Amino acid sequence: AAAPRAERLLASGHWLLSAAPSIPQAQREWAT
């Protein structure tokens, strides 16, 4: 049951990140 939620979060994150001016920078900002 946790896999679909985790997969949705991952997919949502990737999709949102595609709107970032710099994907690596946005990933670091989210993580930090």
ModelCIF file with pLDDT and N, C-alpha, C, O atoms, coordinates in Angstrom:
data_MODEL
#
_entry.id   MODEL 
#
_entity.id                         1 
_entity.type                       polymer 
_entity.pdbx_number_of_molecules   1 
#
_entity_poly.entity_id                      1 
_entity_poly.type                           'polypeptide(L)' 
_entity_poly.nstd_linkage                   no 
_entity_poly.nstd_monomer                   no 
_entity_poly.pdbx_seq_one_letter_code       AAAPRAERLLASGHWLLSAAPSIPQAQREWAT 
_entity_poly.pdbx_seq_one_letter_code_can   AAAPRAERLLASGHWLLSAAPSIPQAQREWAT 
_entity_poly.pdbx_strand_id                 A 
#
loop_
_entity_poly_seq.entity_id 
_entity_poly_seq.num 
_entity_poly_seq.mon_id 
_entity_poly_seq.hetero 
1 1  ALA n 
1 2  ALA n 
1 3  ALA n 
1 4  PRO n 
1 5  ARG n 
1 6  ALA n 
1 7  GLU n 
1 8  ARG n 
1 9  LEU n 
1 10 LEU n 
1 11 ALA n 
1 12 SER n 
1 13 GLY n 
1 14 HIS n 
1 15 TRP n 
1 16 LEU n 
1 17 LEU n 
1 18 SER n 
1 19 ALA n 
1 20 ALA n 
1 21 PRO n 
1 22 SER n 
1 23 ILE n 
1 24 PRO n 
1 25 GLN n 
1 26 ALA n 
1 27 GLN n 
1 28 ARG n 
1 29 GLU n 
1 30 TRP n 
1 31 ALA n 
1 32 THR n 
#
_struct_asym.id          A 
_struct_asym.entity_id   1 
#
loop_
_ma_qa_metric.id 
_ma_qa_metric.mode 
_ma_qa_metric.name 
_ma_qa_metric.software_group_id 
_ma_qa_metric.type 
1 global pLDDT . pLDDT 
2 local  pLDDT . pLDDT 
#
_ma_qa_metric_global.metric_id      1 
_ma_qa_metric_global.metric_value   86.91 
_ma_qa_metric_global.model_id       1 
_ma_qa_metric_global.ordinal_id     1 
#
loop_
_ma_qa_metric_local.label_asym_id 
_ma_qa_metric_local.label_comp_id 
_ma_qa_metric_local.label_seq_id 
_ma_qa_metric_local.metric_id 
_ma_qa_metric_local.metric_value 
_ma_qa_metric_local.model_id 
_ma_qa_metric_local.ordinal_id 
A ALA 1  2 52.00 1 1  
A ALA 2  2 54.00 1 2  
A ALA 3  2 55.00 1 3  
A PRO 4  2 76.00 1 4  
A ARG 5  2 70.00 1 5  
A ALA 6  2 77.00 1 6  
A GLU 7  2 82.00 1 7  
A ARG 8  2 79.00 1 8  
A LEU 9  2 77.00 1 9  
A LEU 10 2 82.00 1 10 
A ALA 11 2 85.00 1 11 
A SER 12 2 87.00 1 12 
A GLY 13 2 90.00 1 13 
A HIS 14 2 92.00 1 14 
A TRP 15 2 93.00 1 15 
A LEU 16 2 94.00 1 16 
A LEU 17 2 95.00 1 17 
A SER 18 2 94.00 1 18 
A ALA 19 2 95.00 1 19 
A ALA 20 2 96.00 1 20 
A PRO 21 2 96.00 1 21 
A SER 22 2 96.00 1 22 
A ILE 23 2 96.00 1 23 
A PRO 24 2 97.00 1 24 
A GLN 25 2 97.00 1 25 
A ALA 26 2 97.00 1 26 
A GLN 27 2 96.00 1 27 
A ARG 28 2 97.00 1 28 
A GLU 29 2 97.00 1 29 
A TRP 30 2 96.00 1 30 
A ALA 31 2 95.00 1 31 
A THR 32 2 96.00 1 32 
#
loop_
_atom_site.group_PDB 
_atom_site.id 
_atom_site.type_symbol 
_atom_site.label_atom_id 
_atom_site.label_alt_id 
_atom_site.label_comp_id 
_atom_site.label_asym_id 
_atom_site.label_entity_id 
_atom_site.label_seq_id 
_atom_site.pdbx_PDB_ins_code 
_atom_site.Cartn_x 
_atom_site.Cartn_y 
_atom_site.Cartn_z 
_atom_site.occupancy 
_atom_site.B_iso_or_equiv 
_atom_site.pdbx_formal_charge 
_atom_site.auth_seq_id 
_atom_site.auth_comp_id 
_atom_site.auth_asym_id 
_atom_site.auth_atom_id 
_atom_site.pdbx_PDB_model_num 
ATOM 1   N N  . ALA A 1 1  ? 0.813  -1.216 0.000   1.00 52.00 ? 1  ALA A N  1 
ATOM 2   C CA . ALA A 1 1  ? 0.000  0.000  0.000   1.00 52.00 ? 1  ALA A CA 1 
ATOM 3   C C  . ALA A 1 1  ? 0.848  1.267  0.000   1.00 52.00 ? 1  ALA A C  1 
ATOM 4   O O  . ALA A 1 1  ? 0.406  2.293  -0.518  1.00 52.00 ? 1  ALA A O  1 
ATOM 5   N N  . ALA A 1 2  ? 2.042  1.226  0.561   1.00 54.00 ? 2  ALA A N  1 
ATOM 6   C CA . ALA A 1 2  ? 2.874  2.421  0.602   1.00 54.00 ? 2  ALA A CA 1 
ATOM 7   C C  . ALA A 1 2  ? 3.491  2.730  -0.760  1.00 54.00 ? 2  ALA A C  1 
ATOM 8   O O  . ALA A 1 2  ? 3.782  3.888  -1.061  1.00 54.00 ? 2  ALA A O  1 
ATOM 9   N N  . ALA A 1 3  ? 3.687  1.718  -1.569  1.00 55.00 ? 3  ALA A N  1 
ATOM 10  C CA . ALA A 1 3  ? 4.339  1.925  -2.861  1.00 55.00 ? 3  ALA A CA 1 
ATOM 11  C C  . ALA A 1 3  ? 3.574  2.899  -3.753  1.00 55.00 ? 3  ALA A C  1 
ATOM 12  O O  . ALA A 1 3  ? 4.195  3.805  -4.311  1.00 55.00 ? 3  ALA A O  1 
ATOM 13  N N  . PRO A 1 4  ? 2.266  2.759  -3.915  1.00 76.00 ? 4  PRO A N  1 
ATOM 14  C CA . PRO A 1 4  ? 1.579  3.726  -4.783  1.00 76.00 ? 4  PRO A CA 1 
ATOM 15  C C  . PRO A 1 4  ? 1.719  5.165  -4.287  1.00 76.00 ? 4  PRO A C  1 
ATOM 16  O O  . PRO A 1 4  ? 1.886  6.072  -5.102  1.00 76.00 ? 4  PRO A O  1 
ATOM 17  N N  . ARG A 1 5  ? 1.655  5.399  -2.978  1.00 70.00 ? 5  ARG A N  1 
ATOM 18  C CA . ARG A 1 5  ? 1.800  6.754  -2.446  1.00 70.00 ? 5  ARG A CA 1 
ATOM 19  C C  . ARG A 1 5  ? 3.206  7.268  -2.716  1.00 70.00 ? 5  ARG A C  1 
ATOM 20  O O  . ARG A 1 5  ? 3.375  8.404  -3.158  1.00 70.00 ? 5  ARG A O  1 
ATOM 21  N N  . ALA A 1 6  ? 4.197  6.459  -2.459  1.00 77.00 ? 6  ALA A N  1 
ATOM 22  C CA . ALA A 1 6  ? 5.584  6.860  -2.702  1.00 77.00 ? 6  ALA A CA 1 
ATOM 23  C C  . ALA A 1 6  ? 5.809  7.133  -4.185  1.00 77.00 ? 6  ALA A C  1 
ATOM 24  O O  . ALA A 1 6  ? 6.489  8.093  -4.549  1.00 77.00 ? 6  ALA A O  1 
ATOM 25  N N  . GLU A 1 7  ? 5.239  6.290  -5.035  1.00 82.00 ? 7  GLU A N  1 
ATOM 26  C CA . GLU A 1 7  ? 5.383  6.492  -6.478  1.00 82.00 ? 7  GLU A CA 1 
ATOM 27  C C  . GLU A 1 7  ? 4.686  7.775  -6.926  1.00 82.00 ? 7  GLU A C  1 
ATOM 28  O O  . GLU A 1 7  ? 5.199  8.496  -7.781  1.00 82.00 ? 7  GLU A O  1 
ATOM 29  N N  . ARG A 1 8  ? 3.521  8.059  -6.350  1.00 79.00 ? 8  ARG A N  1 
ATOM 30  C CA . ARG A 1 8  ? 2.805  9.304  -6.698  1.00 79.00 ? 8  ARG A CA 1 
ATOM 31  C C  . ARG A 1 8  ? 3.611  10.526 -6.268  1.00 79.00 ? 8  ARG A C  1 
ATOM 32  O O  . ARG A 1 8  ? 3.710  11.500 -7.015  1.00 79.00 ? 8  ARG A O  1 
ATOM 33  N N  . LEU A 1 9  ? 4.192  10.476 -5.058  1.00 77.00 ? 9  LEU A N  1 
ATOM 34  C CA . LEU A 1 9  ? 5.024  11.588 -4.599  1.00 77.00 ? 9  LEU A CA 1 
ATOM 35  C C  . LEU A 1 9  ? 6.223  11.794 -5.521  1.00 77.00 ? 9  LEU A C  1 
ATOM 36  O O  . LEU A 1 9  ? 6.565  12.925 -5.865  1.00 77.00 ? 9  LEU A O  1 
ATOM 37  N N  . LEU A 1 10 ? 6.849  10.709 -5.911  1.00 82.00 ? 10 LEU A N  1 
ATOM 38  C CA . LEU A 1 10 ? 8.005  10.792 -6.803  1.00 82.00 ? 10 LEU A CA 1 
ATOM 39  C C  . LEU A 1 10 ? 7.598  11.363 -8.155  1.00 82.00 ? 10 LEU A C  1 
ATOM 40  O O  . LEU A 1 10 ? 8.262  12.257 -8.680  1.00 82.00 ? 10 LEU A O  1 
ATOM 41  N N  . ALA A 1 11 ? 6.516  10.852 -8.716  1.00 85.00 ? 11 ALA A N  1 
ATOM 42  C CA . ALA A 1 11 ? 6.035  11.339 -10.018 1.00 85.00 ? 11 ALA A CA 1 
ATOM 43  C C  . ALA A 1 11 ? 5.626  12.813 -9.932  1.00 85.00 ? 11 ALA A C  1 
ATOM 44  O O  . ALA A 1 11 ? 5.942  13.599 -10.825 1.00 85.00 ? 11 ALA A O  1 
ATOM 45  N N  . SER A 1 12 ? 4.928  13.183 -8.864  1.00 87.00 ? 12 SER A N  1 
ATOM 46  C CA . SER A 1 12 ? 4.515  14.571 -8.681  1.00 87.00 ? 12 SER A CA 1 
ATOM 47  C C  . SER A 1 12 ? 5.729  15.480 -8.558  1.00 87.00 ? 12 SER A C  1 
ATOM 48  O O  . SER A 1 12 ? 5.764  16.568 -9.134  1.00 87.00 ? 12 SER A O  1 
ATOM 49  N N  . GLY A 1 13 ? 6.717  15.029 -7.807  1.00 90.00 ? 13 GLY A N  1 
ATOM 50  C CA . GLY A 1 13 ? 7.929  15.815 -7.639  1.00 90.00 ? 13 GLY A CA 1 
ATOM 51  C C  . GLY A 1 13 ? 8.662  16.027 -8.950  1.00 90.00 ? 13 GLY A C  1 
ATOM 52  O O  . GLY A 1 13 ? 9.107  17.137 -9.242  1.00 90.00 ? 13 GLY A O  1 
ATOM 53  N N  . HIS A 1 14 ? 8.793  14.965 -9.746  1.00 92.00 ? 14 HIS A N  1 
ATOM 54  C CA . HIS A 1 14 ? 9.458  15.091 -11.045 1.00 92.00 ? 14 HIS A CA 1 
ATOM 55  C C  . HIS A 1 14 ? 8.716  16.058 -11.955 1.00 92.00 ? 14 HIS A C  1 
ATOM 56  O O  . HIS A 1 14 ? 9.325  16.884 -12.636 1.00 92.00 ? 14 HIS A O  1 
ATOM 57  N N  . TRP A 1 15 ? 7.398  15.944 -11.956 1.00 93.00 ? 15 TRP A N  1 
ATOM 58  C CA . TRP A 1 15 ? 6.597  16.824 -12.812 1.00 93.00 ? 15 TRP A CA 1 
ATOM 59  C C  . TRP A 1 15 ? 6.746  18.275 -12.375 1.00 93.00 ? 15 TRP A C  1 
ATOM 60  O O  . TRP A 1 15 ? 6.965  19.154 -13.210 1.00 93.00 ? 15 TRP A O  1 
ATOM 61  N N  . LEU A 1 16 ? 6.629  18.535 -11.076 1.00 94.00 ? 16 LEU A N  1 
ATOM 62  C CA . LEU A 1 16 ? 6.786  19.899 -10.578 1.00 94.00 ? 16 LEU A CA 1 
ATOM 63  C C  . LEU A 1 16 ? 8.191  20.435 -10.875 1.00 94.00 ? 16 LEU A C  1 
ATOM 64  O O  . LEU A 1 16 ? 8.343  21.596 -11.255 1.00 94.00 ? 16 LEU A O  1 
ATOM 65  N N  . LEU A 1 17 ? 9.202  19.604 -10.704 1.00 95.00 ? 17 LEU A N  1 
ATOM 66  C CA . LEU A 1 17 ? 10.577 20.039 -10.939 1.00 95.00 ? 17 LEU A CA 1 
ATOM 67  C C  . LEU A 1 17 ? 10.816 20.453 -12.383 1.00 95.00 ? 17 LEU A C  1 
ATOM 68  O O  . LEU A 1 17 ? 11.709 21.254 -12.659 1.00 95.00 ? 17 LEU A O  1 
ATOM 69  N N  . SER A 1 18 ? 10.036 19.922 -13.293 1.00 94.00 ? 18 SER A N  1 
ATOM 70  C CA . SER A 1 18 ? 10.230 20.314 -14.687 1.00 94.00 ? 18 SER A CA 1 
ATOM 71  C C  . SER A 1 18 ? 9.852  21.779 -14.920 1.00 94.00 ? 18 SER A C  1 
ATOM 72  O O  . SER A 1 18 ? 10.106 22.317 -15.997 1.00 94.00 ? 18 SER A O  1 
ATOM 73  N N  . ALA A 1 19 ? 9.244  22.432 -13.913 1.00 95.00 ? 19 ALA A N  1 
ATOM 74  C CA . ALA A 1 19 ? 8.938  23.859 -13.988 1.00 95.00 ? 19 ALA A CA 1 
ATOM 75  C C  . ALA A 1 19 ? 10.013 24.698 -13.302 1.00 95.00 ? 19 ALA A C  1 
ATOM 76  O O  . ALA A 1 19 ? 9.863  25.913 -13.177 1.00 95.00 ? 19 ALA A O  1 
ATOM 77  N N  . ALA A 1 20 ? 11.074 24.073 -12.867 1.00 96.00 ? 20 ALA A N  1 
ATOM 78  C CA . ALA A 1 20 ? 12.143 24.803 -12.171 1.00 96.00 ? 20 ALA A CA 1 
ATOM 79  C C  . ALA A 1 20 ? 13.114 25.405 -13.179 1.00 96.00 ? 20 ALA A C  1 
ATOM 80  O O  . ALA A 1 20 ? 13.404 24.785 -14.203 1.00 96.00 ? 20 ALA A O  1 
ATOM 81  N N  . PRO A 1 21 ? 13.618 26.598 -12.906 1.00 96.00 ? 21 PRO A N  1 
ATOM 82  C CA . PRO A 1 21 ? 14.650 27.168 -13.773 1.00 96.00 ? 21 PRO A CA 1 
ATOM 83  C C  . PRO A 1 21 ? 15.909 26.288 -13.796 1.00 96.00 ? 21 PRO A C  1 
ATOM 84  O O  . PRO A 1 21 ? 16.582 26.178 -14.820 1.00 96.00 ? 21 PRO A O  1 
ATOM 85  N N  . SER A 1 22 ? 16.214 25.664 -12.650 1.00 96.00 ? 22 SER A N  1 
ATOM 86  C CA . SER A 1 22 ? 17.333 24.740 -12.543 1.00 96.00 ? 22 SER A CA 1 
ATOM 87  C C  . SER A 1 22 ? 16.864 23.548 -11.712 1.00 96.00 ? 22 SER A C  1 
ATOM 88  O O  . SER A 1 22 ? 16.649 23.670 -10.507 1.00 96.00 ? 22 SER A O  1 
ATOM 89  N N  . ILE A 1 23 ? 16.709 22.415 -12.351 1.00 96.00 ? 23 ILE A N  1 
ATOM 90  C CA . ILE A 1 23 ? 16.207 21.228 -11.650 1.00 96.00 ? 23 ILE A CA 1 
ATOM 91  C C  . ILE A 1 23 ? 17.141 20.812 -10.515 1.00 96.00 ? 23 ILE A C  1 
ATOM 92  O O  . ILE A 1 23 ? 16.661 20.559 -9.410  1.00 96.00 ? 23 ILE A O  1 
ATOM 93  N N  . PRO A 1 24 ? 18.464 20.728 -10.742 1.00 97.00 ? 24 PRO A N  1 
ATOM 94  C CA . PRO A 1 24 ? 19.342 20.355 -9.612  1.00 97.00 ? 24 PRO A CA 1 
ATOM 95  C C  . PRO A 1 24 ? 19.241 21.325 -8.437  1.00 97.00 ? 24 PRO A C  1 
ATOM 96  O O  . PRO A 1 24 ? 19.249 20.902 -7.281  1.00 97.00 ? 24 PRO A O  1 
ATOM 97  N N  . GLN A 1 25 ? 19.147 22.612 -8.725  1.00 97.00 ? 25 GLN A N  1 
ATOM 98  C CA . GLN A 1 25 ? 19.034 23.595 -7.645  1.00 97.00 ? 25 GLN A CA 1 
ATOM 99  C C  . GLN A 1 25 ? 17.717 23.421 -6.899  1.00 97.00 ? 25 GLN A C  1 
ATOM 100 O O  . GLN A 1 25 ? 17.698 23.467 -5.669  1.00 97.00 ? 25 GLN A O  1 
ATOM 101 N N  . ALA A 1 26 ? 16.623 23.225 -7.618  1.00 97.00 ? 26 ALA A N  1 
ATOM 102 C CA . ALA A 1 26 ? 15.316 23.030 -6.977  1.00 97.00 ? 26 ALA A CA 1 
ATOM 103 C C  . ALA A 1 26 ? 15.324 21.760 -6.128  1.00 97.00 ? 26 ALA A C  1 
ATOM 104 O O  . ALA A 1 26 ? 14.760 21.750 -5.034  1.00 97.00 ? 26 ALA A O  1 
ATOM 105 N N  . GLN A 1 27 ? 15.944 20.705 -6.606  1.00 96.00 ? 27 GLN A N  1 
ATOM 106 C CA . GLN A 1 27 ? 16.044 19.470 -5.816  1.00 96.00 ? 27 GLN A CA 1 
ATOM 107 C C  . GLN A 1 27 ? 16.791 19.733 -4.512  1.00 96.00 ? 27 GLN A C  1 
ATOM 108 O O  . GLN A 1 27 ? 16.375 19.272 -3.449  1.00 96.00 ? 27 GLN A O  1 
ATOM 109 N N  . ARG A 1 28 ? 17.899 20.476 -4.596  1.00 97.00 ? 28 ARG A N  1 
ATOM 110 C CA . ARG A 1 28 ? 18.671 20.801 -3.387  1.00 97.00 ? 28 ARG A CA 1 
ATOM 111 C C  . ARG A 1 28 ? 17.834 21.651 -2.432  1.00 97.00 ? 28 ARG A C  1 
ATOM 112 O O  . ARG A 1 28 ? 17.852 21.428 -1.221  1.00 97.00 ? 28 ARG A O  1 
ATOM 113 N N  . GLU A 1 29 ? 17.093 22.635 -2.981  1.00 97.00 ? 29 GLU A N  1 
ATOM 114 C CA . GLU A 1 29 ? 16.261 23.494 -2.140  1.00 97.00 ? 29 GLU A CA 1 
ATOM 115 C C  . GLU A 1 29 ? 15.176 22.680 -1.435  1.00 97.00 ? 29 GLU A C  1 
ATOM 116 O O  . GLU A 1 29 ? 14.926 22.877 -0.246  1.00 97.00 ? 29 GLU A O  1 
ATOM 117 N N  . TRP A 1 30 ? 14.536 21.770 -2.161  1.00 96.00 ? 30 TRP A N  1 
ATOM 118 C CA . TRP A 1 30 ? 13.523 20.923 -1.526  1.00 96.00 ? 30 TRP A CA 1 
ATOM 119 C C  . TRP A 1 30 ? 14.151 20.077 -0.422  1.00 96.00 ? 30 TRP A C  1 
ATOM 120 O O  . TRP A 1 30 ? 13.598 19.966 0.672   1.00 96.00 ? 30 TRP A O  1 
ATOM 121 N N  . ALA A 1 31 ? 15.304 19.483 -0.710  1.00 95.00 ? 31 ALA A N  1 
ATOM 122 C CA . ALA A 1 31 ? 15.961 18.614 0.279   1.00 95.00 ? 31 ALA A CA 1 
ATOM 123 C C  . ALA A 1 31 ? 16.419 19.408 1.502   1.00 95.00 ? 31 ALA A C  1 
ATOM 124 O O  . ALA A 1 31 ? 16.341 18.912 2.626   1.00 95.00 ? 31 ALA A O  1 
ATOM 125 N N  . THR A 1 32 ? 16.888 20.613 1.296   1.00 96.00 ? 32 THR A N  1 
ATOM 126 C CA . THR A 1 32 ? 17.422 21.429 2.383   1.00 96.00 ? 32 THR A CA 1 
ATOM 127 C C  . THR A 1 32 ? 16.354 22.221 3.111   1.00 96.00 ? 32 THR A C  1 
ATOM 128 O O  . THR A 1 32 ? 16.662 22.953 4.052   1.00 96.00 ? 32 THR A O  1 
#
